[in-house]
Amino acid sequence: MMSALGELGRTGLTAVGNSHEEARATYAQAVAVLDQETQGESTQ
């Protein structure tokens, strides 16, 4: 799905864990990293 990021401006994520809570925490961490990495980015 990362190939769609540059072309369409979107991406997808599936988080897997040994429990619902672990999967949710993994998802939240991935979203936080993506948010942090895209701070200050502008589209031209």
N, C-alpha and C. Protein backbone atom coordinates (compact mmCIF):
# COMPACT_ATOMS: atom_id res chain seq x y z
N MET A 1 0.81 -1.20 0.00
CA MET A 1 0.00 0.00 0.00
C MET A 1 0.86 1.27 0.00
N MET A 2 2.11 1.14 0.38
CA MET A 2 2.95 2.32 0.42
C MET A 2 3.12 2.94 -0.97
N SER A 3 2.97 2.14 -2.03
CA SER A 3 3.09 2.70 -3.37
C SER A 3 1.97 3.70 -3.66
N ALA A 4 0.86 3.57 -3.00
CA ALA A 4 -0.26 4.49 -3.21
C ALA A 4 -0.03 5.83 -2.52
N LEU A 5 0.93 5.89 -1.62
CA LEU A 5 1.15 7.10 -0.85
C LEU A 5 1.52 8.28 -1.73
N GLY A 6 2.53 8.12 -2.58
CA GLY A 6 2.95 9.21 -3.43
C GLY A 6 1.96 9.53 -4.54
N GLU A 7 1.33 8.50 -5.04
CA GLU A 7 0.42 8.67 -6.17
C GLU A 7 -0.96 9.16 -5.75
N LEU A 8 -1.48 8.62 -4.68
CA LEU A 8 -2.85 8.93 -4.27
C LEU A 8 -2.95 9.69 -2.95
N GLY A 9 -1.82 9.79 -2.23
CA GLY A 9 -1.82 10.51 -0.96
C GLY A 9 -2.47 9.75 0.18
N ARG A 10 -2.46 8.44 0.10
CA ARG A 10 -3.05 7.66 1.19
C ARG A 10 -2.28 6.36 1.36
N THR A 11 -2.47 5.75 2.50
CA THR A 11 -1.82 4.48 2.80
C THR A 11 -2.73 3.66 3.70
N GLY A 12 -2.41 2.41 3.88
CA GLY A 12 -3.20 1.54 4.74
C GLY A 12 -2.29 0.83 5.72
N LEU A 13 -2.87 0.30 6.77
CA LEU A 13 -2.09 -0.35 7.81
C LEU A 13 -2.93 -1.45 8.45
N THR A 14 -2.33 -2.60 8.60
CA THR A 14 -2.93 -3.69 9.36
C THR A 14 -1.98 -4.03 10.48
N ALA A 15 -2.44 -3.97 11.71
CA ALA A 15 -1.61 -4.29 12.87
C ALA A 15 -2.03 -5.64 13.43
N VAL A 16 -1.05 -6.49 13.71
CA VAL A 16 -1.30 -7.83 14.23
C VAL A 16 -0.57 -7.97 15.55
N GLY A 17 -1.22 -8.57 16.52
CA GLY A 17 -0.59 -8.80 17.82
C GLY A 17 -1.14 -10.07 18.45
N ASN A 18 -0.58 -10.41 19.59
CA ASN A 18 -1.04 -11.61 20.31
C ASN A 18 -2.35 -11.36 21.04
N SER A 19 -2.77 -10.11 21.11
CA SER A 19 -4.05 -9.75 21.71
C SER A 19 -4.57 -8.50 21.02
N HIS A 20 -5.84 -8.22 21.25
CA HIS A 20 -6.43 -7.01 20.68
C HIS A 20 -5.68 -5.77 21.17
N GLU A 21 -5.34 -5.76 22.44
CA GLU A 21 -4.64 -4.61 23.03
C GLU A 21 -3.26 -4.43 22.39
N GLU A 22 -2.55 -5.53 22.16
CA GLU A 22 -1.23 -5.44 21.55
C GLU A 22 -1.32 -4.93 20.10
N ALA A 23 -2.30 -5.41 19.36
CA ALA A 23 -2.50 -4.95 17.99
C ALA A 23 -2.86 -3.47 17.97
N ARG A 24 -3.73 -3.05 18.88
CA ARG A 24 -4.12 -1.64 18.95
C ARG A 24 -2.92 -0.76 19.31
N ALA A 25 -2.06 -1.22 20.22
CA ALA A 25 -0.87 -0.45 20.60
C ALA A 25 0.10 -0.36 19.43
N THR A 26 0.26 -1.43 18.68
CA THR A 26 1.13 -1.42 17.51
C THR A 26 0.60 -0.45 16.47
N TYR A 27 -0.69 -0.46 16.26
CA TYR A 27 -1.33 0.46 15.31
C TYR A 27 -1.09 1.90 15.75
N ALA A 28 -1.33 2.19 17.01
CA ALA A 28 -1.16 3.55 17.52
C ALA A 28 0.29 4.01 17.38
N GLN A 29 1.23 3.13 17.63
CA GLN A 29 2.64 3.48 17.49
C GLN A 29 2.99 3.77 16.02
N ALA A 30 2.47 2.98 15.12
CA ALA A 30 2.74 3.20 13.69
C ALA A 30 2.14 4.52 13.22
N VAL A 31 0.94 4.85 13.66
CA VAL A 31 0.31 6.11 13.30
C VAL A 31 1.13 7.28 13.86
N ALA A 32 1.60 7.14 15.09
CA ALA A 32 2.41 8.20 15.70
C ALA A 32 3.71 8.43 14.92
N VAL A 33 4.34 7.36 14.47
CA VAL A 33 5.58 7.48 13.69
C VAL A 33 5.29 8.15 12.35
N LEU A 34 4.23 7.74 11.68
CA LEU A 34 3.87 8.37 10.41
C LEU A 34 3.56 9.85 10.60
N ASP A 35 2.83 10.19 11.65
CA ASP A 35 2.53 11.60 11.93
C ASP A 35 3.82 12.38 12.18
N GLN A 36 4.72 11.82 12.97
CA GLN A 36 5.98 12.49 13.28
C GLN A 36 6.83 12.68 12.02
N GLU A 37 6.89 11.67 11.19
CA GLU A 37 7.72 11.73 9.99
C GLU A 37 7.18 12.69 8.93
N THR A 38 5.88 12.98 9.00
CA THR A 38 5.30 13.86 7.98
C THR A 38 5.11 15.28 8.49
N GLN A 39 5.52 15.60 9.70
CA GLN A 39 5.42 16.96 10.21
C GLN A 39 6.28 17.88 9.36
N GLY A 40 5.70 18.98 8.92
CA GLY A 40 6.44 19.95 8.15
C GLY A 40 6.52 19.65 6.67
N GLU A 41 6.03 18.50 6.25
CA GLU A 41 6.05 18.15 4.83
C GLU A 41 4.96 18.94 4.13
N SER A 42 5.26 19.44 2.96
CA SER A 42 4.24 20.14 2.18
C SER A 42 4.15 19.52 0.81
N THR A 43 2.97 19.57 0.23
CA THR A 43 2.78 19.07 -1.11
C THR A 43 2.90 20.22 -2.07
N GLN A 44 3.56 19.98 -3.18
CA GLN A 44 3.76 21.04 -4.16
C GLN A 44 3.21 20.61 -5.50
